[in-house]
Amino acid sequence: MRKDLPPRYYLTHFYEFLAFFEGANKVLLNQEAIAFIDRFNALDEDKKCIIVRAANRKYAVIDRNQFNYAEIDAPQQQIDALIEQGWFGDITHASLHDIAGV
């Protein structure tokens, strides 16, 4: 029997992951990691979903056409906004291994 996961289950798990570092373990983080968490927390939920889904990919390059999920409002516009905000870079900075993997 196939188990259906709740919408945005991956975001809930990512929040749990971040919570580990937002408490007593925050001393383990450097300034760059703290800045990442702060920037991430400032995003709306749709953009957070895109970032978490991208982070869970095997390669550092994503095929944006695979990011049309029903639980994310206007995913392609979300990706465009994240590019403008510096969350995603240009493919010219990716390794050949990551490009070939996608």
PDB file of N, CA and C in Angstrom:
ATOM      1  N   MET A   1       0.841  -1.173   0.000  1.00  0.00           N
ATOM      2  CA  MET A   1       0.000   0.000   0.000  1.00  0.00           C
ATOM      3  C   MET A   1       0.891   1.244   0.000  1.00  0.00           C
ATOM      4  N   ARG A   2       0.544   2.189  -0.835  1.00  0.00           N
ATOM      5  CA  ARG A   2       1.299   3.428  -0.969  1.00  0.00           C
ATOM      6  C   ARG A   2       0.844   4.432   0.081  1.00  0.00           C
ATOM      7  N   LYS A   3       1.812   5.008   0.763  1.00  0.00           N
ATOM      8  CA  LYS A   3       1.492   6.016   1.778  1.00  0.00           C
ATOM      9  C   LYS A   3       1.586   7.400   1.145  1.00  0.00           C
ATOM     10  N   ASP A   4       0.527   8.177   1.252  1.00  0.00           N
ATOM     11  CA  ASP A   4       0.535   9.541   0.743  1.00  0.00           C
ATOM     12  C   ASP A   4       1.100  10.467   1.806  1.00  0.00           C
ATOM     13  N   LEU A   5       2.073  11.252   1.400  1.00  0.00           N
ATOM     14  CA  LEU A   5       2.678  12.218   2.312  1.00  0.00           C
ATOM     15  C   LEU A   5       1.878  13.510   2.293  1.00  0.00           C
ATOM     16  N   PRO A   6       1.813  14.195   3.412  1.00  0.00           N
ATOM     17  CA  PRO A   6       1.082  15.469   3.433  1.00  0.00           C
ATOM     18  C   PRO A   6       1.791  16.519   2.578  1.00  0.00           C
ATOM     19  N   PRO A   7       1.040  17.463   2.043  1.00  0.00           N
ATOM     20  CA  PRO A   7       1.680  18.541   1.275  1.00  0.00           C
ATOM     21  C   PRO A   7       2.726  19.244   2.132  1.00  0.00           C
ATOM     22  N   ARG A   8       3.812  19.580   1.518  1.00  0.00           N
ATOM     23  CA  ARG A   8       4.903  20.316   2.155  1.00  0.00           C
ATOM     24  C   ARG A   8       5.547  19.572   3.328  1.00  0.00           C
ATOM     25  N   TYR A   9       5.443  18.255   3.337  1.00  0.00           N
ATOM     26  CA  TYR A   9       6.083  17.447   4.385  1.00  0.00           C
ATOM     27  C   TYR A   9       7.577  17.735   4.463  1.00  0.00           C
ATOM     28  N   TYR A  10       8.195  17.955   3.312  1.00  0.00           N
ATOM     29  CA  TYR A  10       9.635  18.214   3.229  1.00  0.00           C
ATOM     30  C   TYR A  10       9.999  19.529   3.907  1.00  0.00           C
ATOM     31  N   LEU A  11       9.103  20.508   3.827  1.00  0.00           N
ATOM     32  CA  LEU A  11       9.351  21.789   4.487  1.00  0.00           C
ATOM     33  C   LEU A  11       9.253  21.621   6.001  1.00  0.00           C
ATOM     34  N   THR A  12       8.296  20.840   6.447  1.00  0.00           N
ATOM     35  CA  THR A  12       8.170  20.546   7.876  1.00  0.00           C
ATOM     36  C   THR A  12       9.440  19.881   8.392  1.00  0.00           C
ATOM     37  N   HIS A  13       9.982  18.940   7.646  1.00  0.00           N
ATOM     38  CA  HIS A  13      11.219  18.266   8.052  1.00  0.00           C
ATOM     39  C   HIS A  13      12.401  19.229   8.050  1.00  0.00           C
ATOM     40  N   PHE A  14      12.428  20.148   7.102  1.00  0.00           N
ATOM     41  CA  PHE A  14      13.513  21.123   7.062  1.00  0.00           C
ATOM     42  C   PHE A  14      13.429  22.069   8.260  1.00  0.00           C
ATOM     43  N   TYR A  15      12.220  22.455   8.628  1.00  0.00           N
ATOM     44  CA  TYR A  15      12.040  23.275   9.842  1.00  0.00           C
ATOM     45  C   TYR A  15      12.570  22.539  11.074  1.00  0.00           C
ATOM     46  N   GLU A  16      12.314  21.242  11.143  1.00  0.00           N
ATOM     47  CA  GLU A  16      12.826  20.440  12.262  1.00  0.00           C
ATOM     48  C   GLU A  16      14.351  20.436  12.262  1.00  0.00           C
ATOM     49  N   PHE A  17      14.930  20.309  11.087  1.00  0.00           N
ATOM     50  CA  PHE A  17      16.387  20.341  10.940  1.00  0.00           C
ATOM     51  C   PHE A  17      16.938  21.686  11.424  1.00  0.00           C
ATOM     52  N   LEU A  18      16.326  22.774  10.975  1.00  0.00           N
ATOM     53  CA  LEU A  18      16.784  24.102  11.383  1.00  0.00           C
ATOM     54  C   LEU A  18      16.602  24.324  12.876  1.00  0.00           C
ATOM     55  N   ALA A  19      15.539  23.795  13.447  1.00  0.00           N
ATOM     56  CA  ALA A  19      15.276  23.967  14.877  1.00  0.00           C
ATOM     57  C   ALA A  19      16.411  23.394  15.722  1.00  0.00           C
ATOM     58  N   PHE A  20      17.052  22.360  15.229  1.00  0.00           N
ATOM     59  CA  PHE A  20      18.195  21.774  15.929  1.00  0.00           C
ATOM     60  C   PHE A  20      19.291  22.811  16.123  1.00  0.00           C
ATOM     61  N   PHE A  21      19.462  23.688  15.131  1.00  0.00           N
ATOM     62  CA  PHE A  21      20.520  24.693  15.184  1.00  0.00           C
ATOM     63  C   PHE A  21      20.073  26.037  15.736  1.00  0.00           C
ATOM     64  N   GLU A  22      18.800  26.250  15.818  1.00  0.00           N
ATOM     65  CA  GLU A  22      18.327  27.549  16.290  1.00  0.00           C
ATOM     66  C   GLU A  22      18.298  27.646  17.813  1.00  0.00           C
ATOM     67  N   GLY A  23      18.504  26.558  18.483  1.00  0.00           N
ATOM     68  CA  GLY A  23      18.510  26.551  19.944  1.00  0.00           C
ATOM     69  C   GLY A  23      19.935  26.529  20.470  1.00  0.00           C
ATOM     70  N   ALA A  24      20.179  25.608  21.375  1.00  0.00           N
ATOM     71  CA  ALA A  24      21.481  25.516  22.050  1.00  0.00           C
ATOM     72  C   ALA A  24      22.625  25.214  21.091  1.00  0.00           C
ATOM     73  N   ASN A  25      22.323  24.627  19.945  1.00  0.00           N
ATOM     74  CA  ASN A  25      23.375  24.258  18.999  1.00  0.00           C
ATOM     75  C   ASN A  25      23.786  25.399  18.067  1.00  0.00           C
ATOM     76  N   LYS A  26      23.210  26.556  18.251  1.00  0.00           N
ATOM     77  CA  LYS A  26      23.536  27.701  17.397  1.00  0.00           C
ATOM     78  C   LYS A  26      25.022  28.058  17.482  1.00  0.00           C
ATOM     79  N   VAL A  27      25.643  27.753  18.607  1.00  0.00           N
ATOM     80  CA  VAL A  27      27.068  28.053  18.771  1.00  0.00           C
ATOM     81  C   VAL A  27      27.935  27.249  17.796  1.00  0.00           C
ATOM     82  N   LEU A  28      27.387  26.203  17.210  1.00  0.00           N
ATOM     83  CA  LEU A  28      28.126  25.390  16.250  1.00  0.00           C
ATOM     84  C   LEU A  28      28.197  26.040  14.866  1.00  0.00           C
ATOM     85  N   LEU A  29      27.374  27.050  14.634  1.00  0.00           N
ATOM     86  CA  LEU A  29      27.276  27.662  13.313  1.00  0.00           C
ATOM     87  C   LEU A  29      28.228  28.838  13.148  1.00  0.00           C
ATOM     88  N   ASN A  30      28.727  28.989  11.920  1.00  0.00           N
ATOM     89  CA  ASN A  30      29.497  30.190  11.612  1.00  0.00           C
ATOM     90  C   ASN A  30      28.540  31.277  11.119  1.00  0.00           C
ATOM     91  N   GLN A  31      29.048  32.458  10.894  1.00  0.00           N
ATOM     92  CA  GLN A  31      28.199  33.597  10.494  1.00  0.00           C
ATOM     93  C   GLN A  31      27.488  33.344   9.169  1.00  0.00           C
ATOM     94  N   GLU A  32      28.146  32.658   8.253  1.00  0.00           N
ATOM     95  CA  GLU A  32      27.528  32.369   6.957  1.00  0.00           C
ATOM     96  C   GLU A  32      26.299  31.470   7.122  1.00  0.00           C
ATOM     97  N   ALA A  33      26.394  30.469   7.970  1.00  0.00           N
ATOM     98  CA  ALA A  33      25.264  29.572   8.214  1.00  0.00           C
ATOM     99  C   ALA A  33      24.126  30.311   8.911  1.00  0.00           C
ATOM    100  N   ILE A  34      24.463  31.154   9.866  1.00  0.00           N
ATOM    101  CA  ILE A  34      23.438  31.943  10.555  1.00  0.00           C
ATOM    102  C   ILE A  34      22.741  32.881   9.577  1.00  0.00           C
ATOM    103  N   ALA A  35      23.506  33.499   8.690  1.00  0.00           N
ATOM    104  CA  ALA A  35      22.925  34.396   7.686  1.00  0.00           C
ATOM    105  C   ALA A  35      22.007  33.628   6.745  1.00  0.00           C
ATOM    106  N   PHE A  36      22.411  32.405   6.371  1.00  0.00           N
ATOM    107  CA  PHE A  36      21.555  31.578   5.512  1.00  0.00           C
ATOM    108  C   PHE A  36      20.217  31.318   6.182  1.00  0.00           C
ATOM    109  N   ILE A  37      20.251  30.911   7.444  1.00  0.00           N
ATOM    110  CA  ILE A  37      19.012  30.613   8.168  1.00  0.00           C
ATOM    111  C   ILE A  37      18.139  31.856   8.274  1.00  0.00           C
ATOM    112  N   ASP A  38      18.746  32.990   8.567  1.00  0.00           N
ATOM    113  CA  ASP A  38      17.977  34.243   8.663  1.00  0.00           C
ATOM    114  C   ASP A  38      17.348  34.602   7.322  1.00  0.00           C
ATOM    115  N   ARG A  39      18.107  34.482   6.232  1.00  0.00           N
ATOM    116  CA  ARG A  39      17.575  34.777   4.897  1.00  0.00           C
ATOM    117  C   ARG A  39      16.455  33.805   4.539  1.00  0.00           C
ATOM    118  N   PHE A  40      16.668  32.539   4.858  1.00  0.00           N
ATOM    119  CA  PHE A  40      15.653  31.522   4.568  1.00  0.00           C
ATOM    120  C   PHE A  40      14.368  31.812   5.336  1.00  0.00           C
ATOM    121  N   ASN A  41      14.492  32.106   6.616  1.00  0.00           N
ATOM    122  CA  ASN A  41      13.312  32.376   7.443  1.00  0.00           C
ATOM    123  C   ASN A  41      12.545  33.611   6.988  1.00  0.00           C
ATOM    124  N   ALA A  42      13.195  34.530   6.300  1.00  0.00           N
ATOM    125  CA  ALA A  42      12.542  35.753   5.823  1.00  0.00           C
ATOM    126  C   ALA A  42      11.714  35.520   4.554  1.00  0.00           C
ATOM    127  N   LEU A  43      11.887  34.380   3.903  1.00  0.00           N
ATOM    128  CA  LEU A  43      11.167  34.080   2.666  1.00  0.00           C
ATOM    129  C   LEU A  43       9.739  33.640   2.948  1.00  0.00           C
ATOM    130  N   ASP A  44       8.875  33.780   1.931  1.00  0.00           N
ATOM    131  CA  ASP A  44       7.531  33.231   2.057  1.00  0.00           C
ATOM    132  C   ASP A  44       7.599  31.716   1.854  1.00  0.00           C
ATOM    133  N   GLU A  45       6.530  31.035   2.224  1.00  0.00           N
ATOM    134  CA  GLU A  45       6.531  29.565   2.224  1.00  0.00           C
ATOM    135  C   GLU A  45       6.730  28.961   0.832  1.00  0.00           C
ATOM    136  N   ASP A  46       6.200  29.578  -0.210  1.00  0.00           N
ATOM    137  CA  ASP A  46       6.373  29.032  -1.560  1.00  0.00           C
ATOM    138  C   ASP A  46       7.850  29.032  -1.954  1.00  0.00           C
ATOM    139  N   LYS A  47       8.549  30.111  -1.664  1.00  0.00           N
ATOM    140  CA  LYS A  47       9.974  30.178  -1.987  1.00  0.00           C
ATOM    141  C   LYS A  47      10.777  29.193  -1.129  1.00  0.00           C
ATOM    142  N   LYS A  48      10.394  29.045   0.113  1.00  0.00           N
ATOM    143  CA  LYS A  48      11.052  28.056   0.974  1.00  0.00           C
ATOM    144  C   LYS A  48      10.889  26.651   0.390  1.00  0.00           C
ATOM    145  N   CYS A  49       9.701  26.356  -0.113  1.00  0.00           N
ATOM    146  CA  CYS A  49       9.459  25.041  -0.706  1.00  0.00           C
ATOM    147  C   CYS A  49      10.387  24.795  -1.899  1.00  0.00           C
ATOM    148  N   ILE A  50      10.547  25.791  -2.739  1.00  0.00           N
ATOM    149  CA  ILE A  50      11.440  25.654  -3.894  1.00  0.00           C
ATOM    150  C   ILE A  50      12.864  25.378  -3.424  1.00  0.00           C
ATOM    151  N   ILE A  51      13.336  26.140  -2.457  1.00  0.00           N
ATOM    152  CA  ILE A  51      14.707  25.972  -1.969  1.00  0.00           C
ATOM    153  C   ILE A  51      14.910  24.591  -1.363  1.00  0.00           C
ATOM    154  N   VAL A  52      13.982  24.141  -0.552  1.00  0.00           N
ATOM    155  CA  VAL A  52      14.128  22.829   0.085  1.00  0.00           C
ATOM    156  C   VAL A  52      14.059  21.716  -0.958  1.00  0.00           C
ATOM    157  N   ARG A  53      13.158  21.836  -1.898  1.00  0.00           N
ATOM    158  CA  ARG A  53      13.094  20.822  -2.960  1.00  0.00           C
ATOM    159  C   ARG A  53      14.388  20.815  -3.766  1.00  0.00           C
ATOM    160  N   ALA A  54      14.953  21.970  -4.060  1.00  0.00           N
ATOM    161  CA  ALA A  54      16.220  22.029  -4.792  1.00  0.00           C
ATOM    162  C   ALA A  54      17.358  21.432  -3.972  1.00  0.00           C
ATOM    163  N   ALA A  55      17.372  21.714  -2.690  1.00  0.00           N
ATOM    164  CA  ALA A  55      18.432  21.201  -1.812  1.00  0.00           C
ATOM    165  C   ALA A  55      18.380  19.683  -1.698  1.00  0.00           C
ATOM    166  N   ASN A  56      17.217  19.112  -1.889  1.00  0.00           N
ATOM    167  CA  ASN A  56      17.078  17.663  -1.787  1.00  0.00           C
ATOM    168  C   ASN A  56      17.410  16.930  -3.081  1.00  0.00           C
ATOM    169  N   ARG A  57      17.799  17.656  -4.093  1.00  0.00           N
ATOM    170  CA  ARG A  57      18.185  17.040  -5.354  1.00  0.00           C
ATOM    171  C   ARG A  57      19.591  16.460  -5.235  1.00  0.00           C
ATOM    172  N   LYS A  58      19.882  15.503  -6.082  1.00  0.00           N
ATOM    173  CA  LYS A  58      21.183  14.830  -6.063  1.00  0.00           C
ATOM    174  C   LYS A  58      22.290  15.737  -6.588  1.00  0.00           C
ATOM    175  N   TYR A  59      21.958  16.599  -7.530  1.00  0.00           N
ATOM    176  CA  TYR A  59      22.957  17.458  -8.164  1.00  0.00           C
ATOM    177  C   TYR A  59      22.696  18.924  -7.841  1.00  0.00           C
ATOM    178  N   ALA A  60      23.730  19.745  -7.988  1.00  0.00           N
ATOM    179  CA  ALA A  60      23.628  21.169  -7.672  1.00  0.00           C
ATOM    180  C   ALA A  60      22.920  21.955  -8.774  1.00  0.00           C
ATOM    181  N   VAL A  61      22.580  21.311  -9.876  1.00  0.00           N
ATOM    182  CA  VAL A  61      21.855  21.946 -10.972  1.00  0.00           C
ATOM    183  C   VAL A  61      20.434  21.392 -10.961  1.00  0.00           C
ATOM    184  N   ILE A  62      19.466  22.273 -11.114  1.00  0.00           N
ATOM    185  CA  ILE A  62      18.079  21.813 -11.166  1.00  0.00           C
ATOM    186  C   ILE A  62      17.498  22.054 -12.552  1.00  0.00           C
ATOM    187  N   ASP A  63      16.588  21.204 -12.938  1.00  0.00           N
ATOM    188  CA  ASP A  63      15.786  21.402 -14.136  1.00  0.00           C
ATOM    189  C   ASP A  63      14.496  22.053 -13.666  1.00  0.00           C
ATOM    190  N   ARG A  64      14.380  23.336 -13.890  1.00  0.00           N
ATOM    191  CA  ARG A  64      13.249  24.076 -13.345  1.00  0.00           C
ATOM    192  C   ARG A  64      11.908  23.550 -13.841  1.00  0.00           C
ATOM    193  N   ASN A  65      11.896  22.845 -14.961  1.00  0.00           N
ATOM    194  CA  ASN A  65      10.651  22.270 -15.463  1.00  0.00           C
ATOM    195  C   ASN A  65      10.137  21.147 -14.569  1.00  0.00           C
ATOM    196  N   GLN A  66      10.980  20.641 -13.684  1.00  0.00           N
ATOM    197  CA  GLN A  66      10.568  19.595 -12.747  1.00  0.00           C
ATOM    198  C   GLN A  66      10.044  20.186 -11.440  1.00  0.00           C
ATOM    199  N   PHE A  67       9.862  21.485 -11.382  1.00  0.00           N
ATOM    200  CA  PHE A  67       9.436  22.152 -10.146  1.00  0.00           C
ATOM    201  C   PHE A  67       8.015  22.687 -10.234  1.00  0.00           C
ATOM    202  N   ASN A  68       7.165  22.003 -10.936  1.00  0.00           N
ATOM    203  CA  ASN A  68       5.762  22.399 -11.033  1.00  0.00           C
ATOM    204  C   ASN A  68       4.943  21.531 -10.090  1.00  0.00           C
ATOM    205  N   TYR A  69       4.980  21.879  -8.809  1.00  0.00           N
ATOM    206  CA  TYR A  69       4.281  21.132  -7.776  1.00  0.00           C
ATOM    207  C   TYR A  69       2.983  21.849  -7.421  1.00  0.00           C
ATOM    208  N   ALA A  70       1.934  21.062  -7.203  1.00  0.00           N
ATOM    209  CA  ALA A  70       0.613  21.625  -6.924  1.00  0.00           C
ATOM    210  C   ALA A  70       0.589  22.453  -5.646  1.00  0.00           C
ATOM    211  N   GLU A  71       1.423  22.110  -4.675  1.00  0.00           N
ATOM    212  CA  GLU A  71       1.386  22.823  -3.395  1.00  0.00           C
ATOM    213  C   GLU A  71       2.159  24.141  -3.422  1.00  0.00           C
ATOM    214  N   ILE A  72       2.827  24.432  -4.538  1.00  0.00           N
ATOM    215  CA  ILE A  72       3.597  25.672  -4.655  1.00  0.00           C
ATOM    216  C   ILE A  72       2.894  26.593  -5.648  1.00  0.00           C
ATOM    217  N   ASP A  73       2.529  27.772  -5.190  1.00  0.00           N
ATOM    218  CA  ASP A  73       1.862  28.752  -6.038  1.00  0.00           C
ATOM    219  C   ASP A  73       2.870  29.354  -7.015  1.00  0.00           C
ATOM    220  N   ALA A  74       2.564  29.302  -8.302  1.00  0.00           N
ATOM    221  CA  ALA A  74       3.381  29.902  -9.363  1.00  0.00           C
ATOM    222  C   ALA A  74       4.866  29.547  -9.222  1.00  0.00           C
ATOM    223  N   PRO A  75       5.214  28.258  -9.289  1.00  0.00           N
ATOM    224  CA  PRO A  75       6.589  27.848  -9.023  1.00  0.00           C
ATOM    225  C   PRO A  75       7.635  28.488  -9.944  1.00  0.00           C
ATOM    226  N   GLN A  76       7.296  28.684 -11.193  1.00  0.00           N
ATOM    227  CA  GLN A  76       8.286  29.273 -12.104  1.00  0.00           C
ATOM    228  C   GLN A  76       8.575  30.732 -11.736  1.00  0.00           C
ATOM    229  N   GLN A  77       7.556  31.464 -11.310  1.00  0.00           N
ATOM    230  CA  GLN A  77       7.766  32.838 -10.861  1.00  0.00           C
ATOM    231  C   GLN A  77       8.544  32.855  -9.543  1.00  0.00           C
ATOM    232  N   GLN A  78       8.312  31.852  -8.710  1.00  0.00           N
ATOM    233  CA  GLN A  78       9.072  31.755  -7.458  1.00  0.00           C
ATOM    234  C   GLN A  78      10.561  31.546  -7.757  1.00  0.00           C
ATOM    235  N   ILE A  79      10.845  30.680  -8.730  1.00  0.00           N
ATOM    236  CA  ILE A  79      12.239  30.436  -9.120  1.00  0.00           C
ATOM    237  C   ILE A  79      12.859  31.711  -9.666  1.00  0.00           C
ATOM    238  N   ASP A  80      12.124  32.430 -10.518  1.00  0.00           N
ATOM    239  CA  ASP A  80      12.640  33.699 -11.062  1.00  0.00           C
ATOM    240  C   ASP A  80      12.990  34.671  -9.938  1.00  0.00           C
ATOM    241  N   ALA A  81      12.110  34.788  -8.952  1.00  0.00           N
ATOM    242  CA  ALA A  81      12.353  35.694  -7.822  1.00  0.00           C
ATOM    243  C   ALA A  81      13.566  35.243  -7.021  1.00  0.00           C
ATOM    244  N   LEU A  82      13.716  33.937  -6.825  1.00  0.00           N
ATOM    245  CA  LEU A  82      14.865  33.423  -6.075  1.00  0.00           C
ATOM    246  C   LEU A  82      16.176  33.649  -6.819  1.00  0.00           C
ATOM    247  N   ILE A  83      16.131  33.585  -8.140  1.00  0.00           N
ATOM    248  CA  ILE A  83      17.322  33.906  -8.935  1.00  0.00           C
ATOM    249  C   ILE A  83      17.695  35.369  -8.724  1.00  0.00           C
ATOM    250  N   GLU A  84      16.695  36.249  -8.807  1.00  0.00           N
ATOM    251  CA  GLU A  84      16.940  37.681  -8.605  1.00  0.00           C
ATOM    252  C   GLU A  84      17.492  37.979  -7.214  1.00  0.00           C
ATOM    253  N   GLN A  85      17.087  37.189  -6.222  1.00  0.00           N
ATOM    254  CA  GLN A  85      17.530  37.393  -4.841  1.00  0.00           C
ATOM    255  C   GLN A  85      18.855  36.682  -4.537  1.00  0.00           C
ATOM    256  N   GLY A  86      19.409  35.998  -5.534  1.00  0.00           N
ATOM    257  CA  GLY A  86      20.709  35.362  -5.361  1.00  0.00           C
ATOM    258  C   GLY A  86      20.686  33.968  -4.761  1.00  0.00           C
ATOM    259  N   TRP A  87      19.524  33.351  -4.669  1.00  0.00           N
ATOM    260  CA  TRP A  87      19.450  31.998  -4.117  1.00  0.00           C
ATOM    261  C   TRP A  87      19.949  30.954  -5.107  1.00  0.00           C
ATOM    262  N   PHE A  88      19.757  31.228  -6.388  1.00  0.00           N
ATOM    263  CA  PHE A  88      20.224  30.326  -7.445  1.00  0.00           C
ATOM    264  C   PHE A  88      21.128  31.111  -8.376  1.00  0.00           C
ATOM    265  N   GLY A  89      22.172  30.441  -8.842  1.00  0.00           N
ATOM    266  CA  GLY A  89      23.120  31.093  -9.724  1.00  0.00           C
ATOM    267  C   GLY A  89      22.961  30.643 -11.161  1.00  0.00           C
ATOM    268  N   ASP A  90      23.852  31.143 -11.964  1.00  0.00           N
ATOM    269  CA  ASP A  90      23.875  30.839 -13.385  1.00  0.00           C
ATOM    270  C   ASP A  90      24.506  29.461 -13.607  1.00  0.00           C
ATOM    271  N   ILE A  91      24.049  28.764 -14.613  1.00  0.00           N
ATOM    272  CA  ILE A  91      24.558  27.419 -14.893  1.00  0.00           C
ATOM    273  C   ILE A  91      26.043  27.429 -15.262  1.00  0.00           C
ATOM    274  N   THR A  92      26.557  28.558 -15.678  1.00  0.00           N
ATOM    275  CA  THR A  92      27.983  28.620 -16.039  1.00  0.00           C
ATOM    276  C   THR A  92      28.886  28.401 -14.829  1.00  0.00           C
ATOM    277  N   HIS A  93      28.350  28.480 -13.621  1.00  0.00           N
ATOM    278  CA  HIS A  93      29.136  28.260 -12.414  1.00  0.00           C
ATOM    279  C   HIS A  93      29.062  26.797 -11.931  1.00  0.00           C
ATOM    280  N   ALA A  94      28.268  25.987 -12.610  1.00  0.00           N
ATOM    281  CA  ALA A  94      28.074  24.586 -12.202  1.00  0.00           C
ATOM    282  C   ALA A  94      29.174  23.698 -12.750  1.00  0.00           C
ATOM    283  N   SER A  95      29.411  22.600 -12.068  1.00  0.00           N
ATOM    284  CA  SER A  95      30.403  21.634 -12.549  1.00  0.00           C
ATOM    285  C   SER A  95      29.815  20.815 -13.688  1.00  0.00           C
ATOM    286  N   LEU A  96      30.682  20.285 -14.534  1.00  0.00           N
ATOM    287  CA  LEU A  96      30.219  19.437 -15.631  1.00  0.00           C
ATOM    288  C   LEU A  96      29.528  18.186 -15.093  1.00  0.00           C
ATOM    289  N   HIS A  97      29.992  17.690 -13.961  1.00  0.00           N
ATOM    290  CA  HIS A  97      29.382  16.527 -13.330  1.00  0.00           C
ATOM    291  C   HIS A  97      27.914  16.805 -12.978  1.00  0.00           C
ATOM    292  N   ASP A  98      27.657  17.965 -12.388  1.00  0.00           N
ATOM    293  CA  ASP A  98      26.288  18.314 -12.016  1.00  0.00           C
ATOM    294  C   ASP A  98      25.422  18.565 -13.237  1.00  0.00           C
ATOM    295  N   ILE A  99      25.974  19.202 -14.243  1.00  0.00           N
ATOM    296  CA  ILE A  99      25.209  19.455 -15.469  1.00  0.00           C
ATOM    297  C   ILE A  99      24.855  18.141 -16.148  1.00  0.00           C
ATOM    298  N   ALA A 100      25.824  17.256 -16.257  1.00  0.00           N
ATOM    299  CA  ALA A 100      25.573  15.961 -16.897  1.00  0.00           C
ATOM    300  C   ALA A 100      24.570  15.128 -16.109  1.00  0.00           C
ATOM    301  N   GLY A 101      24.567  15.256 -14.800  1.00  0.00           N
ATOM    302  CA  GLY A 101      23.649  14.490 -13.963  1.00  0.00           C
ATOM    303  C   GLY A 101      22.202  14.882 -14.140  1.00  0.00           C
ATOM    304  N   VAL A 102      21.971  16.101 -14.519  1.00  0.00           N
ATOM    305  CA  VAL A 102      20.605  16.572 -14.705  1.00  0.00           C
ATOM    306  C   VAL A 102      20.163  16.306 -16.102  1.00  0.00           C
TER     307      VAL A 102
END
